[in-house]
Amino acid sequence: LTPKEYDLLLLLIENKNIVLSRDTILDRVWGMDFDGDSRVVDTHIRKLRSKLGTESHYIRTVIRTGYKFEGDNHG
């Protein structure tokens, strides 16, 4: 994983089952000074899912809101 992909995955895992908006993800991973488009989050999510392969289902898209890491409730 690239450093940004790692930071993104870590943020999602640390906030398991909590929907994070694109703006929140941008602030926490790219920083408050980031001056790009929020679609950069979508691009990184797509790359991250590709690298996760069969485990990519844990990253859920919440339409018009953002993303969340959805783990099981068994532990």
PDB file of N, CA and C in Angstrom:
ATOM      1  N   LEU A   1       0.835  -1.191   0.000  1.00  0.00           N
ATOM      2  CA  LEU A   1       0.000   0.000   0.000  1.00  0.00           C
ATOM      3  C   LEU A   1       0.875   1.248   0.000  1.00  0.00           C
ATOM      4  N   THR A   2       0.364   2.289  -0.626  1.00  0.00           N
ATOM      5  CA  THR A   2       1.051   3.577  -0.539  1.00  0.00           C
ATOM      6  C   THR A   2       0.799   4.157   0.854  1.00  0.00           C
ATOM      7  N   PRO A   3       1.580   5.144   1.263  1.00  0.00           N
ATOM      8  CA  PRO A   3       1.330   5.743   2.586  1.00  0.00           C
ATOM      9  C   PRO A   3      -0.105   6.279   2.738  1.00  0.00           C
ATOM     10  N   LYS A   4      -0.652   6.929   1.726  1.00  0.00           N
ATOM     11  CA  LYS A   4      -2.019   7.461   1.811  1.00  0.00           C
ATOM     12  C   LYS A   4      -3.040   6.328   1.888  1.00  0.00           C
ATOM     13  N   GLU A   5      -2.844   5.265   1.121  1.00  0.00           N
ATOM     14  CA  GLU A   5      -3.750   4.110   1.178  1.00  0.00           C
ATOM     15  C   GLU A   5      -3.720   3.487   2.564  1.00  0.00           C
ATOM     16  N   TYR A   6      -2.524   3.379   3.133  1.00  0.00           N
ATOM     17  CA  TYR A   6      -2.385   2.827   4.484  1.00  0.00           C
ATOM     18  C   TYR A   6      -3.111   3.711   5.495  1.00  0.00           C
ATOM     19  N   ASP A   7      -2.880   5.025   5.419  1.00  0.00           N
ATOM     20  CA  ASP A   7      -3.531   5.955   6.338  1.00  0.00           C
ATOM     21  C   ASP A   7      -5.047   5.896   6.200  1.00  0.00           C
ATOM     22  N   LEU A   8      -5.522   5.786   4.973  1.00  0.00           N
ATOM     23  CA  LEU A   8      -6.960   5.688   4.706  1.00  0.00           C
ATOM     24  C   LEU A   8      -7.538   4.415   5.313  1.00  0.00           C
ATOM     25  N   LEU A   9      -6.884   3.287   5.083  1.00  0.00           N
ATOM     26  CA  LEU A   9      -7.346   2.019   5.641  1.00  0.00           C
ATOM     27  C   LEU A   9      -7.335   2.057   7.162  1.00  0.00           C
ATOM     28  N   LEU A  10      -6.286   2.585   7.736  1.00  0.00           N
ATOM     29  CA  LEU A  10      -6.184   2.686   9.191  1.00  0.00           C
ATOM     30  C   LEU A  10      -7.310   3.545   9.760  1.00  0.00           C
ATOM     31  N   LEU A  11      -7.589   4.679   9.121  1.00  0.00           N
ATOM     32  CA  LEU A  11      -8.677   5.548   9.570  1.00  0.00           C
ATOM     33  C   LEU A  11     -10.013   4.807   9.540  1.00  0.00           C
ATOM     34  N   LEU A  12     -10.269   4.093   8.451  1.00  0.00           N
ATOM     35  CA  LEU A  12     -11.525   3.348   8.337  1.00  0.00           C
ATOM     36  C   LEU A  12     -11.633   2.268   9.414  1.00  0.00           C
ATOM     37  N   ILE A  13     -10.551   1.538   9.631  1.00  0.00           N
ATOM     38  CA  ILE A  13     -10.554   0.464  10.633  1.00  0.00           C
ATOM     39  C   ILE A  13     -10.731   1.035  12.048  1.00  0.00           C
ATOM     40  N   GLU A  14     -10.048   2.134  12.337  1.00  0.00           N
ATOM     41  CA  GLU A  14     -10.156   2.754  13.666  1.00  0.00           C
ATOM     42  C   GLU A  14     -11.565   3.262  13.933  1.00  0.00           C
ATOM     43  N   ASN A  15     -12.322   3.513  12.870  1.00  0.00           N
ATOM     44  CA  ASN A  15     -13.696   4.007  12.990  1.00  0.00           C
ATOM     45  C   ASN A  15     -14.681   2.972  12.467  1.00  0.00           C
ATOM     46  N   LYS A  16     -14.400   1.718  12.766  1.00  0.00           N
ATOM     47  CA  LYS A  16     -15.199   0.589  12.294  1.00  0.00           C
ATOM     48  C   LYS A  16     -16.691   0.817  12.526  1.00  0.00           C
ATOM     49  N   ASN A  17     -17.473   0.569  11.479  1.00  0.00           N
ATOM     50  CA  ASN A  17     -18.932   0.692  11.490  1.00  0.00           C
ATOM     51  C   ASN A  17     -19.439   2.130  11.649  1.00  0.00           C
ATOM     52  N   ILE A  18     -18.557   3.110  11.477  1.00  0.00           N
ATOM     53  CA  ILE A  18     -18.933   4.518  11.524  1.00  0.00           C
ATOM     54  C   ILE A  18     -18.760   5.095  10.120  1.00  0.00           C
ATOM     55  N   VAL A  19     -19.798   5.729   9.605  1.00  0.00           N
ATOM     56  CA  VAL A  19     -19.709   6.339   8.284  1.00  0.00           C
ATOM     57  C   VAL A  19     -18.878   7.612   8.377  1.00  0.00           C
ATOM     58  N   LEU A  20     -17.859   7.696   7.523  1.00  0.00           N
ATOM     59  CA  LEU A  20     -17.016   8.885   7.456  1.00  0.00           C
ATOM     60  C   LEU A  20     -17.285   9.599   6.141  1.00  0.00           C
ATOM     61  N   SER A  21     -17.551  10.880   6.206  1.00  0.00           N
ATOM     62  CA  SER A  21     -17.784  11.653   4.991  1.00  0.00           C
ATOM     63  C   SER A  21     -16.467  11.837   4.237  1.00  0.00           C
ATOM     64  N   ARG A  22     -16.575  12.155   2.962  1.00  0.00           N
ATOM     65  CA  ARG A  22     -15.376  12.429   2.169  1.00  0.00           C
ATOM     66  C   ARG A  22     -14.587  13.588   2.777  1.00  0.00           C
ATOM     67  N   ASP A  23     -15.291  14.620   3.236  1.00  0.00           N
ATOM     68  CA  ASP A  23     -14.610  15.766   3.838  1.00  0.00           C
ATOM     69  C   ASP A  23     -13.854  15.382   5.096  1.00  0.00           C
ATOM     70  N   THR A  24     -14.444  14.533   5.919  1.00  0.00           N
ATOM     71  CA  THR A  24     -13.764  14.061   7.125  1.00  0.00           C
ATOM     72  C   THR A  24     -12.524  13.265   6.762  1.00  0.00           C
ATOM     73  N   ILE A  25     -12.671  12.391   5.781  1.00  0.00           N
ATOM     74  CA  ILE A  25     -11.531  11.591   5.335  1.00  0.00           C
ATOM     75  C   ILE A  25     -10.433  12.493   4.783  1.00  0.00           C
ATOM     76  N   LEU A  26     -10.808  13.473   3.975  1.00  0.00           N
ATOM     77  CA  LEU A  26      -9.821  14.413   3.439  1.00  0.00           C
ATOM     78  C   LEU A  26      -9.079  15.127   4.558  1.00  0.00           C
ATOM     79  N   ASP A  27      -9.813  15.633   5.546  1.00  0.00           N
ATOM     80  CA  ASP A  27      -9.180  16.349   6.656  1.00  0.00           C
ATOM     81  C   ASP A  27      -8.234  15.457   7.443  1.00  0.00           C
ATOM     82  N   ARG A  28      -8.645  14.211   7.701  1.00  0.00           N
ATOM     83  CA  ARG A  28      -7.862  13.331   8.567  1.00  0.00           C
ATOM     84  C   ARG A  28      -6.693  12.662   7.852  1.00  0.00           C
ATOM     85  N   VAL A  29      -6.833  12.407   6.543  1.00  0.00           N
ATOM     86  CA  VAL A  29      -5.767  11.714   5.810  1.00  0.00           C
ATOM     87  C   VAL A  29      -4.883  12.696   5.029  1.00  0.00           C
ATOM     88  N   TRP A  30      -5.504  13.660   4.359  1.00  0.00           N
ATOM     89  CA  TRP A  30      -4.748  14.598   3.533  1.00  0.00           C
ATOM     90  C   TRP A  30      -4.419  15.885   4.266  1.00  0.00           C
ATOM     91  N   GLY A  31      -5.154  16.205   5.300  1.00  0.00           N
ATOM     92  CA  GLY A  31      -4.888  17.410   6.084  1.00  0.00           C
ATOM     93  C   GLY A  31      -5.790  18.568   5.701  1.00  0.00           C
ATOM     94  N   MET A  32      -5.945  19.483   6.634  1.00  0.00           N
ATOM     95  CA  MET A  32      -6.837  20.627   6.459  1.00  0.00           C
ATOM     96  C   MET A  32      -6.406  21.524   5.297  1.00  0.00           C
ATOM     97  N   ASP A  33      -5.144  21.516   4.962  1.00  0.00           N
ATOM     98  CA  ASP A  33      -4.628  22.404   3.916  1.00  0.00           C
ATOM     99  C   ASP A  33      -4.790  21.833   2.514  1.00  0.00           C
ATOM    100  N   PHE A  34      -5.314  20.623   2.383  1.00  0.00           N
ATOM    101  CA  PHE A  34      -5.479  20.004   1.073  1.00  0.00           C
ATOM    102  C   PHE A  34      -6.414  20.848   0.219  1.00  0.00           C
ATOM    103  N   ASP A  35      -5.982  21.133  -0.996  1.00  0.00           N
ATOM    104  CA  ASP A  35      -6.735  22.038  -1.855  1.00  0.00           C
ATOM    105  C   ASP A  35      -7.246  21.342  -3.111  1.00  0.00           C
ATOM    106  N   GLY A  36      -7.378  20.026  -3.058  1.00  0.00           N
ATOM    107  CA  GLY A  36      -7.841  19.278  -4.216  1.00  0.00           C
ATOM    108  C   GLY A  36      -9.321  18.950  -4.123  1.00  0.00           C
ATOM    109  N   ASP A  37      -9.744  18.075  -5.001  1.00  0.00           N
ATOM    110  CA  ASP A  37     -11.135  17.655  -5.105  1.00  0.00           C
ATOM    111  C   ASP A  37     -11.394  16.465  -4.183  1.00  0.00           C
ATOM    112  N   SER A  38     -12.590  16.390  -3.612  1.00  0.00           N
ATOM    113  CA  SER A  38     -12.917  15.278  -2.712  1.00  0.00           C
ATOM    114  C   SER A  38     -12.980  13.946  -3.449  1.00  0.00           C
ATOM    115  N   ARG A  39     -12.999  13.976  -4.789  1.00  0.00           N
ATOM    116  CA  ARG A  39     -13.007  12.735  -5.562  1.00  0.00           C
ATOM    117  C   ARG A  39     -11.692  11.968  -5.410  1.00  0.00           C
ATOM    118  N   VAL A  40     -10.667  12.617  -4.893  1.00  0.00           N
ATOM    119  CA  VAL A  40      -9.409  11.915  -4.634  1.00  0.00           C
ATOM    120  C   VAL A  40      -9.650  10.775  -3.646  1.00  0.00           C
ATOM    121  N   VAL A  41     -10.611  10.961  -2.744  1.00  0.00           N
ATOM    122  CA  VAL A  41     -10.958   9.906  -1.786  1.00  0.00           C
ATOM    123  C   VAL A  41     -11.503   8.695  -2.544  1.00  0.00           C
ATOM    124  N   ASP A  42     -12.411   8.940  -3.499  1.00  0.00           N
ATOM    125  CA  ASP A  42     -12.992   7.850  -4.278  1.00  0.00           C
ATOM    126  C   ASP A  42     -11.916   7.076  -5.038  1.00  0.00           C
ATOM    127  N   THR A  43     -10.975   7.812  -5.605  1.00  0.00           N
ATOM    128  CA  THR A  43      -9.878   7.186  -6.352  1.00  0.00           C
ATOM    129  C   THR A  43      -9.047   6.294  -5.438  1.00  0.00           C
ATOM    130  N   HIS A  44      -8.725   6.786  -4.259  1.00  0.00           N
ATOM    131  CA  HIS A  44      -7.916   6.002  -3.326  1.00  0.00           C
ATOM    132  C   HIS A  44      -8.698   4.804  -2.776  1.00  0.00           C
ATOM    133  N   ILE A  45      -9.989   4.971  -2.563  1.00  0.00           N
ATOM    134  CA  ILE A  45     -10.818   3.836  -2.118  1.00  0.00           C
ATOM    135  C   ILE A  45     -10.806   2.750  -3.193  1.00  0.00           C
ATOM    136  N   ARG A  46     -10.962   3.155  -4.440  1.00  0.00           N
ATOM    137  CA  ARG A  46     -10.965   2.190  -5.547  1.00  0.00           C
ATOM    138  C   ARG A  46      -9.630   1.425  -5.606  1.00  0.00           C
ATOM    139  N   LYS A  47      -8.523   2.133  -5.493  1.00  0.00           N
ATOM    140  CA  LYS A  47      -7.200   1.492  -5.517  1.00  0.00           C
ATOM    141  C   LYS A  47      -7.018   0.567  -4.310  1.00  0.00           C
ATOM    142  N   LEU A  48      -7.491   1.027  -3.159  1.00  0.00           N
ATOM    143  CA  LEU A  48      -7.378   0.233  -1.937  1.00  0.00           C
ATOM    144  C   LEU A  48      -8.191  -1.055  -2.051  1.00  0.00           C
ATOM    145  N   ARG A  49      -9.407  -0.939  -2.544  1.00  0.00           N
ATOM    146  CA  ARG A  49     -10.241  -2.138  -2.735  1.00  0.00           C
ATOM    147  C   ARG A  49      -9.568  -3.113  -3.686  1.00  0.00           C
ATOM    148  N   SER A  50      -8.981  -2.593  -4.735  1.00  0.00           N
ATOM    149  CA  SER A  50      -8.305  -3.446  -5.711  1.00  0.00           C
ATOM    150  C   SER A  50      -7.166  -4.228  -5.044  1.00  0.00           C
ATOM    151  N   LYS A  51      -6.412  -3.552  -4.209  1.00  0.00           N
ATOM    152  CA  LYS A  51      -5.288  -4.203  -3.536  1.00  0.00           C
ATOM    153  C   LYS A  51      -5.744  -5.177  -2.455  1.00  0.00           C
ATOM    154  N   LEU A  52      -6.897  -4.922  -1.859  1.00  0.00           N
ATOM    155  CA  LEU A  52      -7.413  -5.815  -0.819  1.00  0.00           C
ATOM    156  C   LEU A  52      -8.009  -7.095  -1.398  1.00  0.00           C
ATOM    157  N   GLY A  53      -8.340  -7.077  -2.673  1.00  0.00           N
ATOM    158  CA  GLY A  53      -8.846  -8.275  -3.335  1.00  0.00           C
ATOM    159  C   GLY A  53     -10.110  -8.802  -2.694  1.00  0.00           C
ATOM    160  N   THR A  54     -10.066 -10.063  -2.260  1.00  0.00           N
ATOM    161  CA  THR A  54     -11.258 -10.718  -1.710  1.00  0.00           C
ATOM    162  C   THR A  54     -11.717 -10.101  -0.388  1.00  0.00           C
ATOM    163  N   GLU A  55     -10.891  -9.290   0.225  1.00  0.00           N
ATOM    164  CA  GLU A  55     -11.255  -8.643   1.494  1.00  0.00           C
ATOM    165  C   GLU A  55     -11.826  -7.244   1.277  1.00  0.00           C
ATOM    166  N   SER A  56     -11.968  -6.831   0.026  1.00  0.00           N
ATOM    167  CA  SER A  56     -12.422  -5.469  -0.277  1.00  0.00           C
ATOM    168  C   SER A  56     -13.860  -5.215   0.164  1.00  0.00           C
ATOM    169  N   HIS A  57     -14.631  -6.270   0.396  1.00  0.00           N
ATOM    170  CA  HIS A  57     -16.033  -6.105   0.796  1.00  0.00           C
ATOM    171  C   HIS A  57     -16.202  -5.418   2.148  1.00  0.00           C
ATOM    172  N   TYR A  58     -15.135  -5.346   2.931  1.00  0.00           N
ATOM    173  CA  TYR A  58     -15.227  -4.682   4.230  1.00  0.00           C
ATOM    174  C   TYR A  58     -15.414  -3.174   4.099  1.00  0.00           C
ATOM    175  N   ILE A  59     -14.956  -2.609   2.987  1.00  0.00           N
ATOM    176  CA  ILE A  59     -15.103  -1.173   2.768  1.00  0.00           C
ATOM    177  C   ILE A  59     -16.422  -0.936   2.040  1.00  0.00           C
ATOM    178  N   ARG A  60     -17.342  -0.295   2.718  1.00  0.00           N
ATOM    179  CA  ARG A  60     -18.683  -0.058   2.181  1.00  0.00           C
ATOM    180  C   ARG A  60     -18.832   1.395   1.744  1.00  0.00           C
ATOM    181  N   THR A  61     -19.486   1.579   0.611  1.00  0.00           N
ATOM    182  CA  THR A  61     -19.852   2.911   0.154  1.00  0.00           C
ATOM    183  C   THR A  61     -21.220   3.249   0.729  1.00  0.00           C
ATOM    184  N   VAL A  62     -21.337   4.419   1.320  1.00  0.00           N
ATOM    185  CA  VAL A  62     -22.621   4.915   1.804  1.00  0.00           C
ATOM    186  C   VAL A  62     -22.999   6.049   0.851  1.00  0.00           C
ATOM    187  N   ILE A  63     -23.962   5.766  -0.007  1.00  0.00           N
ATOM    188  CA  ILE A  63     -24.321   6.674  -1.092  1.00  0.00           C
ATOM    189  C   ILE A  63     -24.550   8.098  -0.581  1.00  0.00           C
ATOM    190  N   ARG A  64     -23.980   9.052  -1.296  1.00  0.00           N
ATOM    191  CA  ARG A  64     -24.074  10.482  -1.022  1.00  0.00           C
ATOM    192  C   ARG A  64     -23.562  10.890   0.363  1.00  0.00           C
ATOM    193  N   THR A  65     -22.834   9.981   1.024  1.00  0.00           N
ATOM    194  CA  THR A  65     -22.319  10.307   2.353  1.00  0.00           C
ATOM    195  C   THR A  65     -20.814  10.096   2.440  1.00  0.00           C
ATOM    196  N   GLY A  66     -20.375   8.861   2.227  1.00  0.00           N
ATOM    197  CA  GLY A  66     -18.954   8.572   2.360  1.00  0.00           C
ATOM    198  C   GLY A  66     -18.697   7.083   2.381  1.00  0.00           C
ATOM    199  N   TYR A  67     -17.840   6.680   3.309  1.00  0.00           N
ATOM    200  CA  TYR A  67     -17.415   5.286   3.381  1.00  0.00           C
ATOM    201  C   TYR A  67     -17.340   4.832   4.833  1.00  0.00           C
ATOM    202  N   LYS A  68     -17.388   3.498   4.994  1.00  0.00           N
ATOM    203  CA  LYS A  68     -17.160   2.928   6.314  1.00  0.00           C
ATOM    204  C   LYS A  68     -16.509   1.563   6.159  1.00  0.00           C
ATOM    205  N   PHE A  69     -15.802   1.169   7.202  1.00  0.00           N
ATOM    206  CA  PHE A  69     -15.253  -0.176   7.304  1.00  0.00           C
ATOM    207  C   PHE A  69     -16.261  -0.973   8.102  1.00  0.00           C
ATOM    208  N   GLU A  70     -16.833  -1.980   7.473  1.00  0.00           N
ATOM    209  CA  GLU A  70     -17.909  -2.740   8.097  1.00  0.00           C
ATOM    210  C   GLU A  70     -17.385  -4.123   8.467  1.00  0.00           C
ATOM    211  N   GLY A  71     -17.094  -4.302   9.736  1.00  0.00           N
ATOM    212  CA  GLY A  71     -16.624  -5.593  10.209  1.00  0.00           C
ATOM    213  C   GLY A  71     -17.746  -6.372  10.843  1.00  0.00           C
ATOM    214  N   ASP A  72     -17.471  -7.637  11.083  1.00  0.00           N
ATOM    215  CA  ASP A  72     -18.484  -8.448  11.749  1.00  0.00           C
ATOM    216  C   ASP A  72     -18.563  -8.065  13.216  1.00  0.00           C
ATOM    217  N   ASN A  73     -19.589  -8.484  13.875  1.00  0.00           N
ATOM    218  CA  ASN A  73     -19.788  -8.155  15.282  1.00  0.00           C
ATOM    219  C   ASN A  73     -19.402  -9.308  16.201  1.00  0.00           C
ATOM    220  N   HIS A  74     -18.558 -10.206  15.694  1.00  0.00           N
ATOM    221  CA  HIS A  74     -18.176 -11.380  16.477  1.00  0.00           C
ATOM    222  C   HIS A  74     -16.841 -11.224  17.180  1.00  0.00           C
ATOM    223  N   GLY A  75     -16.300 -10.049  17.190  1.00  0.00           N
ATOM    224  CA  GLY A  75     -15.037  -9.912  17.875  1.00  0.00           C
ATOM    225  C   GLY A  75     -14.292  -8.832  17.319  1.00  0.00           C
TER     226      GLY A  75
END
